[in-house]
Amino acid sequence: MRLSLILLAAYSLLLLAVGVRAARKVRTAEDFLLAGRRSSGLDTGGSLAATILGASATLGLAGLAFRRGLTGSWWLLVGVAGLAALYFLAPAAKAQPVYSLPDLLGRSYGPAMRTVSSALIFLAWFGVVGAQMNAAGSILAAFLGGRTAVWILLSGALFILYTVLGGQLSVIRTDLYQLAFILAGLAGCALAGLKAVHGFGGLRRALPPGFFSFPLSPGFSSVDLVLLLLVAGSTYLTGPDMLSRLFCSREVRPARRGILLSIAVIAPAALLVALSGMIARALFPGAAPESAFPLLMRHSLPPLLAGLVCLALLSAFLSSADTTLLTMTTVLAVDLLRLPMEGGARRRVWCLRGITLLCGAGALAVGIFSGGIISSLLLSYTLFSGGLFIPTLAVLLGKPMRGKAAIAAALAGGGLALAGKLQGSDALLASGFAASLAIYLADRLWLRPVRRA
């Protein structure tokens, strides 16, 4: 435990040092919110991959693999499909110098849609940031002991502080360090776990039949895959965090390189995490699914490697939390409060730092009282994707609907999808996307006035 605490302290000092250094370079609102729109392909890809590899992609995915095997990796692999589509739509996302997704939607649909989309994202992302903080506290409490709420507060204070200091410049730079920790930790955990179960042969003998089935399995049907593509996969294509990485890029070419780099990282990472969850099922069959990683870390790894894996998981949570926190800040400051981003640069930056601090404090409270990781994130993703996937995709394709139709699609789609998730009705959840699509088609094909020559 002493070694782990030393590693944790050194890691925290490293992140804070990056934050302090980045703070010296922040001079304008654009620096704070978008890293001055100067990110390279490496910066974009590293930050994008680190943002994706958060609580749901580690603890959550490992828990899914613990329950049903290799098909649990689809939780992250659907992101490959979303990012592949985003690669082709990157020029459209970079066509206008916007600050956020609601800013982009507002330019096509008007100020009312900008407000509606801002409210949907701001509320949903409280759950996303809260889930990351809950996961950070849970992993530290499981490994180091103590109360989970205390660790949530401490880890939350760390990521809020370096985000407040340097804004997006802090986030992108720390994401690169965190990604290195994440990948090293995932690989080390999977290899050490395989040794503990005596290789793939021992793992196959220890697991129930069907755990190695892929792409479908007895516990994961084609309907489940389609719904996962709609609810989770769509967020990789039109999610505000994904698009914010592109907005930070210098131009289209580094944005596209970053997308390809992130795909190259998350595809093998999905298999490594799923493998770790399956190994945990073989070694600790009676454990709770989302405790798969902590158990494997504490009881199957040497102390030094266990400490590094703990830092890797903490990196995963913080690298997602900082990006989503800045998304909340941007949406609140730029789209809801409509604060001017030009003029009074120093005062504007301090105002943005204060908003970031307030959003972080609110998300911490959500994190302390939130439930399971996957359940919390699915509620947030469902509200967002059901309401905004179709309107956003229409803008990126250059085929937007009218403003009133976009608002109707957002409210109907988000409301029905969320109701379906809360009631456990797949049909009702899917109907949210269908309703949004139906409104779009009706507006584009039937309700538009015929243009006269």
Protein backbone atom coordinates (compact mmCIF):
# COMPACT_ATOMS: atom_id res chain seq x y z
CA MET A 1 0.00 0.00 0.00
CA ARG A 2 2.87 2.37 0.77
CA LEU A 3 4.32 1.81 -2.71
CA SER A 4 0.92 2.46 -4.27
CA LEU A 5 0.50 5.68 -2.33
CA ILE A 6 3.94 6.86 -3.47
CA LEU A 7 3.05 6.08 -7.09
CA LEU A 8 -0.29 7.86 -6.72
CA ALA A 9 1.36 10.95 -5.20
CA ALA A 10 3.98 11.09 -7.96
CA TYR A 11 1.30 10.67 -10.62
CA SER A 12 -0.83 13.44 -9.10
CA LEU A 13 2.16 15.81 -9.00
CA LEU A 14 2.88 15.04 -12.66
CA LEU A 15 -0.66 15.95 -13.70
CA LEU A 16 -0.64 19.13 -11.65
CA ALA A 17 2.74 20.13 -13.11
CA VAL A 18 1.30 19.72 -16.60
CA GLY A 19 -1.67 21.83 -15.55
CA VAL A 20 0.54 24.61 -14.17
CA ARG A 21 2.68 24.63 -17.30
CA ALA A 22 -0.38 24.74 -19.55
CA ALA A 23 -1.89 27.57 -17.48
CA ARG A 24 0.99 29.82 -18.53
CA LYS A 25 0.03 29.36 -22.19
CA VAL A 26 -3.68 30.10 -21.75
CA ARG A 27 -4.32 33.67 -22.85
CA THR A 28 -7.71 33.58 -24.58
CA ALA A 29 -11.04 31.81 -24.31
CA GLU A 30 -10.14 29.86 -27.44
CA ASP A 31 -6.97 28.62 -25.75
CA PHE A 32 -8.92 27.49 -22.70
CA LEU A 33 -11.82 25.83 -24.52
CA LEU A 34 -10.19 24.60 -27.75
CA ALA A 35 -6.41 24.58 -27.15
CA GLY A 36 -6.16 27.49 -29.58
CA ARG A 37 -7.32 25.20 -32.42
CA ARG A 38 -3.69 24.11 -32.84
CA SER A 39 -3.78 20.36 -32.03
CA SER A 40 -1.72 18.00 -34.18
CA GLY A 41 -2.82 14.56 -35.34
CA LEU A 42 -0.98 12.94 -32.43
CA ASP A 43 -2.57 15.30 -29.91
CA THR A 44 -6.03 14.78 -31.41
CA GLY A 45 -5.75 11.00 -31.62
CA GLY A 46 -4.20 10.61 -28.19
CA SER A 47 -6.83 12.77 -26.53
CA LEU A 48 -9.64 11.10 -28.47
CA ALA A 49 -8.48 7.60 -27.50
CA ALA A 50 -7.88 8.55 -23.87
CA THR A 51 -11.33 10.15 -23.67
CA ILE A 52 -12.94 6.98 -25.05
CA LEU A 53 -11.04 4.67 -22.69
CA GLY A 54 -12.92 5.81 -19.60
CA ALA A 55 -14.84 4.03 -16.87
CA SER A 56 -17.28 2.34 -19.23
CA ALA A 57 -14.48 1.09 -21.49
CA THR A 58 -12.55 -0.43 -18.58
CA LEU A 59 -14.57 -1.36 -15.49
CA GLY A 60 -17.86 -1.40 -17.38
CA LEU A 61 -16.64 -3.42 -20.36
CA ALA A 62 -14.76 -5.83 -18.09
CA GLY A 63 -18.02 -6.32 -16.18
CA LEU A 64 -19.90 -7.10 -19.39
CA ALA A 65 -17.21 -9.62 -20.40
CA PHE A 66 -17.41 -11.10 -16.88
CA ARG A 67 -21.15 -11.72 -17.42
CA ARG A 68 -21.27 -12.88 -21.02
CA GLY A 69 -17.78 -13.25 -22.45
CA LEU A 70 -16.11 -11.90 -25.57
CA THR A 71 -19.24 -10.17 -26.88
CA GLY A 72 -18.83 -7.70 -24.02
CA SER A 73 -16.12 -6.08 -26.17
CA TRP A 74 -18.88 -4.71 -28.42
CA TRP A 75 -19.42 -1.94 -25.86
CA LEU A 76 -16.18 -0.41 -27.17
CA LEU A 77 -16.01 -1.92 -30.66
CA VAL A 78 -19.19 -0.11 -31.73
CA GLY A 79 -17.05 2.99 -31.35
CA VAL A 80 -14.85 1.81 -34.21
CA ALA A 81 -17.87 1.96 -36.51
CA GLY A 82 -18.82 5.41 -35.25
CA LEU A 83 -15.29 6.76 -35.61
CA ALA A 84 -14.94 5.28 -39.10
CA ALA A 85 -18.02 7.23 -40.15
CA LEU A 86 -16.70 10.35 -38.41
CA TYR A 87 -13.51 10.10 -40.48
CA PHE A 88 -15.51 10.79 -43.65
CA LEU A 89 -17.58 13.53 -42.02
CA ALA A 90 -14.61 15.37 -40.45
CA PRO A 91 -14.52 18.03 -43.21
CA ALA A 92 -18.13 18.95 -42.45
CA ALA A 93 -17.38 19.16 -38.72
CA LYS A 94 -14.40 21.46 -39.39
CA ALA A 95 -16.19 23.60 -41.99
CA GLN A 96 -17.24 26.28 -39.48
CA PRO A 97 -15.21 27.78 -36.59
CA VAL A 98 -17.63 26.69 -33.85
CA TYR A 99 -16.94 26.07 -30.17
CA SER A 100 -19.36 23.21 -29.53
CA LEU A 101 -21.94 20.85 -30.96
CA PRO A 102 -24.89 23.12 -29.95
CA ASP A 103 -23.04 26.00 -31.64
CA LEU A 104 -22.86 23.89 -34.82
CA LEU A 105 -26.54 22.91 -34.58
CA GLY A 106 -27.58 26.49 -33.88
CA ARG A 107 -26.01 27.69 -37.13
CA SER A 108 -28.21 25.28 -39.10
CA TYR A 109 -31.39 25.17 -37.01
CA GLY A 110 -31.49 28.50 -35.19
CA PRO A 111 -31.09 29.70 -31.59
CA ALA A 112 -34.00 27.65 -30.20
CA MET A 113 -32.40 24.38 -31.28
CA ARG A 114 -29.10 25.58 -29.88
CA THR A 115 -30.75 26.04 -26.49
CA VAL A 116 -32.59 22.70 -26.58
CA SER A 117 -29.47 20.74 -27.58
CA SER A 118 -27.40 22.58 -24.97
CA ALA A 119 -29.84 21.64 -22.22
CA LEU A 120 -29.90 17.97 -23.32
CA ILE A 121 -26.11 17.72 -23.40
CA PHE A 122 -25.53 19.67 -20.20
CA LEU A 123 -27.95 17.51 -18.18
CA ALA A 124 -26.79 14.22 -19.73
CA TRP A 125 -23.11 15.01 -19.22
CA PHE A 126 -23.58 15.46 -15.49
CA GLY A 127 -24.20 11.72 -15.44
CA VAL A 128 -21.19 11.02 -17.66
CA VAL A 129 -18.73 13.00 -15.50
CA GLY A 130 -20.33 11.65 -12.35
CA ALA A 131 -19.91 8.06 -13.50
CA GLN A 132 -16.20 8.62 -14.16
CA MET A 133 -15.72 10.06 -10.67
CA ASN A 134 -17.69 7.23 -9.09
CA ALA A 135 -15.44 4.75 -10.87
CA ALA A 136 -12.27 6.57 -9.79
CA GLY A 137 -13.34 6.53 -6.15
CA SER A 138 -14.41 2.89 -6.34
CA ILE A 139 -11.12 1.65 -7.79
CA LEU A 140 -9.00 3.60 -5.29
CA ALA A 141 -11.13 2.42 -2.36
CA ALA A 142 -10.94 -1.19 -3.52
CA PHE A 143 -7.17 -1.04 -3.89
CA LEU A 144 -6.12 1.25 -1.06
CA GLY A 145 -9.01 0.91 1.37
CA GLY A 146 -11.03 3.69 2.95
CA ARG A 147 -14.37 5.23 2.06
CA THR A 148 -15.34 5.46 -1.59
CA ALA A 149 -16.83 8.95 -1.15
CA VAL A 150 -13.53 10.29 0.18
CA TRP A 151 -11.60 8.92 -2.79
CA ILE A 152 -14.21 10.35 -5.17
CA LEU A 153 -13.64 13.77 -3.63
CA LEU A 154 -9.85 13.49 -3.78
CA SER A 155 -9.64 12.20 -7.35
CA GLY A 156 -12.29 14.71 -8.37
CA ALA A 157 -10.33 17.56 -6.83
CA LEU A 158 -7.25 16.46 -8.79
CA PHE A 159 -8.87 16.41 -12.22
CA ILE A 160 -10.89 19.58 -11.57
CA LEU A 161 -7.75 21.45 -10.48
CA TYR A 162 -5.59 20.66 -13.51
CA THR A 163 -8.56 21.24 -15.83
CA VAL A 164 -9.30 24.61 -14.23
CA LEU A 165 -5.65 25.60 -14.51
CA GLY A 166 -4.94 24.92 -18.16
CA GLY A 167 -8.30 24.14 -19.73
CA GLN A 168 -8.08 22.24 -23.01
CA LEU A 169 -4.30 22.68 -23.15
CA SER A 170 -4.05 20.76 -19.85
CA VAL A 171 -6.52 18.13 -20.99
CA ILE A 172 -4.85 17.31 -24.31
CA ARG A 173 -1.37 17.16 -22.81
CA THR A 174 -2.35 15.06 -19.78
CA ASP A 175 -4.40 12.76 -22.04
CA LEU A 176 -1.23 11.70 -23.86
CA TYR A 177 0.48 10.71 -20.60
CA GLN A 178 -2.68 9.02 -19.37
CA LEU A 179 -3.09 7.04 -22.57
CA ALA A 180 0.41 5.60 -22.15
CA PHE A 181 -0.47 4.52 -18.59
CA ILE A 182 -3.76 3.01 -19.77
CA LEU A 183 -2.28 0.90 -22.57
CA ALA A 184 0.63 -0.35 -20.46
CA GLY A 185 -1.71 -1.22 -17.60
CA LEU A 186 -4.24 -3.06 -19.78
CA ALA A 187 -1.54 -5.14 -21.47
CA GLY A 188 0.19 -5.97 -18.18
CA CYS A 189 -3.07 -6.94 -16.49
CA ALA A 190 -4.16 -9.23 -19.35
CA LEU A 191 -0.77 -10.97 -19.61
CA ALA A 192 -0.44 -11.51 -15.86
CA GLY A 193 -4.03 -12.77 -15.72
CA LEU A 194 -3.43 -15.25 -18.53
CA LYS A 195 -0.45 -16.61 -16.63
CA ALA A 196 -2.64 -17.06 -13.53
CA VAL A 197 -5.23 -19.16 -15.43
CA HIS A 198 -2.55 -21.17 -17.30
CA GLY A 199 -3.08 -19.67 -20.74
CA PHE A 200 -5.99 -19.66 -23.17
CA GLY A 201 -6.54 -23.39 -22.70
CA GLY A 202 -7.03 -23.01 -18.97
CA LEU A 203 -9.28 -20.00 -19.51
CA ARG A 204 -11.51 -21.87 -21.95
CA ARG A 205 -11.85 -24.81 -19.56
CA ALA A 206 -12.77 -22.54 -16.65
CA LEU A 207 -15.49 -20.51 -18.41
CA PRO A 208 -19.10 -21.44 -19.26
CA PRO A 209 -19.87 -22.53 -22.84
CA GLY A 210 -20.38 -19.67 -25.26
CA PHE A 211 -18.00 -17.21 -23.55
CA PHE A 212 -15.72 -17.24 -26.59
CA SER A 213 -18.60 -16.86 -29.07
CA PHE A 214 -18.35 -13.81 -31.32
CA PRO A 215 -19.86 -11.64 -32.78
CA LEU A 216 -23.06 -12.96 -31.16
CA SER A 217 -23.64 -15.29 -28.23
CA PRO A 218 -26.54 -16.82 -26.28
CA GLY A 219 -26.55 -13.74 -24.04
CA PHE A 220 -26.08 -11.16 -26.79
CA SER A 221 -28.37 -11.20 -29.81
CA SER A 222 -28.39 -9.26 -33.06
CA VAL A 223 -31.12 -7.03 -31.59
CA ASP A 224 -28.82 -6.21 -28.66
CA LEU A 225 -26.06 -5.30 -31.11
CA VAL A 226 -28.30 -3.00 -33.15
CA LEU A 227 -29.53 -1.22 -30.01
CA LEU A 228 -25.96 -0.83 -28.77
CA LEU A 229 -24.93 0.67 -32.11
CA LEU A 230 -27.80 3.15 -31.84
CA VAL A 231 -27.35 4.15 -28.21
CA ALA A 232 -23.56 3.93 -27.72
CA GLY A 233 -22.11 3.75 -31.25
CA SER A 234 -23.90 6.90 -32.35
CA THR A 235 -22.14 8.93 -29.64
CA TYR A 236 -18.78 8.29 -31.33
CA LEU A 237 -20.09 9.85 -34.54
CA THR A 238 -22.06 12.80 -33.21
CA GLY A 239 -21.05 13.05 -29.54
CA PRO A 240 -19.97 16.49 -28.30
CA ASP A 241 -16.76 15.11 -26.78
CA MET A 242 -15.72 13.40 -30.02
CA LEU A 243 -16.48 16.52 -32.07
CA SER A 244 -14.69 18.74 -29.56
CA ARG A 245 -11.42 16.90 -30.36
CA LEU A 246 -11.92 17.80 -34.03
CA PHE A 247 -12.73 21.42 -33.19
CA CYS A 248 -9.34 21.59 -31.42
CA SER A 249 -7.44 20.37 -34.49
CA ARG A 250 -5.52 22.71 -36.75
CA GLU A 251 -7.28 21.52 -39.89
CA VAL A 252 -9.02 18.50 -41.44
CA ARG A 253 -5.91 16.43 -42.15
CA PRO A 254 -4.64 16.19 -38.53
CA ALA A 255 -8.23 15.64 -37.39
CA ARG A 256 -8.50 12.62 -39.69
CA ARG A 257 -5.10 11.32 -38.62
CA GLY A 258 -6.23 11.57 -35.03
CA ILE A 259 -9.36 9.56 -35.77
CA LEU A 260 -7.33 6.79 -37.42
CA LEU A 261 -4.91 6.74 -34.49
CA SER A 262 -7.76 6.43 -32.00
CA ILE A 263 -9.27 3.51 -33.97
CA ALA A 264 -5.89 1.77 -33.96
CA VAL A 265 -5.79 2.12 -30.16
CA ILE A 266 -9.33 1.30 -29.03
CA ALA A 267 -9.86 -1.84 -31.15
CA PRO A 268 -7.10 -3.90 -29.46
CA ALA A 269 -7.85 -2.20 -26.12
CA ALA A 270 -11.42 -3.55 -26.30
CA LEU A 271 -10.10 -7.11 -26.64
CA LEU A 272 -7.58 -6.66 -23.80
CA VAL A 273 -10.26 -5.39 -21.42
CA ALA A 274 -12.70 -8.15 -22.40
CA LEU A 275 -9.97 -10.72 -21.87
CA SER A 276 -9.29 -9.32 -18.38
CA GLY A 277 -12.98 -9.54 -17.50
CA MET A 278 -13.13 -13.15 -18.66
CA ILE A 279 -10.01 -14.00 -16.67
CA ALA A 280 -11.57 -12.45 -13.57
CA ARG A 281 -14.68 -14.62 -14.12
CA ALA A 282 -12.46 -17.72 -14.23
CA LEU A 283 -10.58 -16.77 -11.06
CA PHE A 284 -13.42 -15.16 -9.05
CA PRO A 285 -16.71 -16.57 -10.39
CA GLY A 286 -18.79 -15.38 -7.43
CA ALA A 287 -17.70 -11.73 -7.57
CA ALA A 288 -19.73 -8.72 -8.70
CA PRO A 289 -19.12 -8.06 -12.44
CA GLU A 290 -17.82 -4.49 -12.14
CA SER A 291 -15.34 -5.60 -9.46
CA ALA A 292 -13.57 -7.79 -12.05
CA PHE A 293 -10.66 -5.43 -12.61
CA PRO A 294 -10.06 -4.55 -8.93
CA LEU A 295 -10.04 -8.23 -7.93
CA LEU A 296 -7.69 -9.20 -10.73
CA MET A 297 -5.45 -6.30 -9.85
CA ARG A 298 -5.26 -6.99 -6.13
CA HIS A 299 -4.98 -10.79 -6.10
CA SER A 300 -3.27 -11.78 -9.36
CA LEU A 301 -0.61 -9.13 -9.98
CA PRO A 302 2.72 -8.41 -8.28
CA PRO A 303 2.61 -5.26 -6.10
CA LEU A 304 4.46 -2.95 -8.50
CA LEU A 305 2.40 -4.05 -11.52
CA ALA A 306 -0.79 -3.80 -9.45
CA GLY A 307 0.06 -0.22 -8.55
CA LEU A 308 0.72 0.64 -12.20
CA VAL A 309 -2.58 -0.93 -13.27
CA CYS A 310 -4.34 1.09 -10.56
CA LEU A 311 -2.81 4.24 -12.05
CA ALA A 312 -3.83 3.06 -15.52
CA LEU A 313 -7.46 2.73 -14.47
CA LEU A 314 -7.36 6.07 -12.68
CA SER A 315 -5.90 7.59 -15.85
CA ALA A 316 -8.76 6.12 -17.85
CA PHE A 317 -11.36 7.72 -15.60
CA LEU A 318 -9.66 11.12 -15.36
CA SER A 319 -8.94 11.35 -19.09
CA SER A 320 -12.64 10.96 -19.81
CA ALA A 321 -13.78 13.15 -16.94
CA ASP A 322 -11.64 16.16 -17.90
CA THR A 323 -12.87 16.20 -21.50
CA THR A 324 -16.51 15.83 -20.53
CA LEU A 325 -16.13 18.50 -17.86
CA LEU A 326 -14.81 20.97 -20.43
CA THR A 327 -17.68 20.02 -22.73
CA MET A 328 -20.07 21.01 -19.94
CA THR A 329 -18.18 24.27 -19.41
CA THR A 330 -18.30 25.13 -23.10
CA VAL A 331 -22.00 24.33 -23.44
CA LEU A 332 -22.89 26.37 -20.35
CA ALA A 333 -20.68 29.38 -21.14
CA VAL A 334 -20.99 29.57 -24.92
CA ASP A 335 -24.43 28.12 -25.65
CA LEU A 336 -26.62 28.60 -22.58
CA LEU A 337 -25.21 31.79 -21.03
CA ARG A 338 -24.05 33.08 -24.45
CA LEU A 339 -20.99 34.77 -22.97
CA PRO A 340 -18.93 36.66 -25.56
CA MET A 341 -15.64 34.90 -26.26
CA GLU A 342 -13.89 37.91 -27.78
CA GLY A 343 -12.36 40.82 -25.87
CA GLY A 344 -11.28 41.04 -22.23
CA ALA A 345 -9.16 37.91 -22.67
CA ARG A 346 -7.72 37.57 -19.16
CA ARG A 347 -11.04 38.28 -17.44
CA ARG A 348 -12.86 35.86 -19.80
CA VAL A 349 -10.42 33.04 -19.02
CA TRP A 350 -10.92 33.48 -15.28
CA CYS A 351 -14.68 33.47 -15.80
CA LEU A 352 -14.38 30.17 -17.69
CA ARG A 353 -12.24 28.74 -14.90
CA GLY A 354 -14.95 29.63 -12.39
CA ILE A 355 -17.64 27.95 -14.52
CA THR A 356 -15.45 24.85 -14.84
CA LEU A 357 -15.05 24.73 -11.07
CA LEU A 358 -18.82 24.97 -10.50
CA CYS A 359 -19.61 22.29 -13.10
CA GLY A 360 -16.98 20.02 -11.59
CA ALA A 361 -18.41 20.42 -8.10
CA GLY A 362 -21.89 19.54 -9.35
CA ALA A 363 -20.61 16.49 -11.22
CA LEU A 364 -18.76 15.33 -8.10
CA ALA A 365 -22.03 15.33 -6.19
CA VAL A 366 -23.60 13.21 -8.94
CA GLY A 367 -20.62 10.84 -8.78
CA ILE A 368 -21.03 10.24 -5.07
CA PHE A 369 -24.69 9.27 -5.41
CA SER A 370 -24.68 7.60 -8.85
CA GLY A 371 -25.27 3.89 -9.38
CA GLY A 372 -23.47 1.41 -11.63
CA ILE A 373 -21.15 2.67 -14.33
CA ILE A 374 -22.82 1.17 -17.38
CA SER A 375 -26.33 1.93 -16.14
CA SER A 376 -25.46 5.58 -15.42
CA LEU A 377 -23.75 6.09 -18.75
CA LEU A 378 -26.49 4.34 -20.71
CA LEU A 379 -29.09 6.70 -19.26
CA SER A 380 -26.98 9.70 -20.25
CA TYR A 381 -26.14 8.34 -23.69
CA THR A 382 -29.76 7.40 -24.34
CA LEU A 383 -31.01 10.90 -23.58
CA PHE A 384 -28.37 12.43 -25.84
CA SER A 385 -28.31 10.01 -28.76
CA GLY A 386 -32.07 9.52 -28.95
CA GLY A 387 -32.58 13.26 -29.19
CA LEU A 388 -29.63 14.60 -31.13
CA PHE A 389 -28.20 11.82 -33.29
CA ILE A 390 -30.49 12.37 -36.29
CA PRO A 391 -30.40 16.21 -36.25
CA THR A 392 -26.60 16.21 -35.89
CA LEU A 393 -26.03 13.59 -38.58
CA ALA A 394 -28.27 15.58 -40.92
CA VAL A 395 -26.08 18.67 -40.44
CA LEU A 396 -22.84 16.74 -41.00
CA LEU A 397 -24.29 15.22 -44.17
CA GLY A 398 -25.28 18.66 -45.42
CA LYS A 399 -29.00 17.78 -45.39
CA PRO A 400 -30.45 19.58 -42.34
CA MET A 401 -34.14 19.82 -41.59
CA ARG A 402 -35.95 23.01 -40.61
CA GLY A 403 -35.50 24.42 -37.13
CA LYS A 404 -38.93 23.52 -35.74
CA ALA A 405 -38.66 19.99 -37.11
CA ALA A 406 -35.21 19.61 -35.52
CA ILE A 407 -36.56 20.65 -32.10
CA ALA A 408 -39.48 18.23 -32.46
CA ALA A 409 -37.09 15.42 -33.44
CA ALA A 410 -34.80 16.16 -30.47
CA LEU A 411 -37.59 16.27 -27.89
CA ALA A 412 -39.55 13.30 -29.25
CA GLY A 413 -36.50 11.13 -29.88
CA GLY A 414 -34.80 11.88 -26.58
CA GLY A 415 -37.98 11.55 -24.54
CA LEU A 416 -39.07 8.23 -26.04
CA ALA A 417 -35.58 6.71 -25.92
CA LEU A 418 -35.11 7.72 -22.28
CA ALA A 419 -38.55 6.39 -21.35
CA GLY A 420 -37.71 3.11 -23.03
CA LYS A 421 -34.44 2.85 -21.11
CA LEU A 422 -36.08 3.65 -17.77
CA GLN A 423 -38.87 1.11 -18.37
CA GLY A 424 -36.57 -1.55 -19.77
CA SER A 425 -38.41 -1.58 -23.10
CA ASP A 426 -36.16 -2.10 -26.12
CA ALA A 427 -39.07 -1.42 -28.46
CA LEU A 428 -39.82 1.94 -26.83
CA LEU A 429 -36.11 2.84 -26.83
CA ALA A 430 -35.81 2.07 -30.56
CA SER A 431 -39.00 4.03 -31.21
CA GLY A 432 -37.19 7.19 -30.05
CA PHE A 433 -34.70 6.90 -32.90
CA ALA A 434 -37.52 5.93 -35.28
CA ALA A 435 -39.58 8.96 -34.26
CA SER A 436 -36.64 11.31 -34.77
CA LEU A 437 -35.93 9.78 -38.18
CA ALA A 438 -39.62 9.94 -39.16
CA ILE A 439 -39.78 13.66 -38.33
CA TYR A 440 -36.65 14.25 -40.39
CA LEU A 441 -38.00 12.35 -43.40
CA ALA A 442 -41.38 14.03 -43.17
CA ASP A 443 -39.74 17.45 -43.12
CA ARG A 444 -37.33 16.70 -45.95
CA LEU A 445 -39.66 14.79 -48.26
CA TRP A 446 -43.22 15.96 -47.65
CA LEU A 447 -43.59 19.12 -45.60
CA ARG A 448 -41.12 21.43 -47.33
CA PRO A 449 -42.77 23.94 -49.69
CA VAL A 450 -42.16 23.25 -53.37
CA ARG A 451 -39.66 25.74 -54.79
CA ARG A 452 -40.88 27.49 -57.90
CA ALA A 453 -38.60 28.11 -60.80
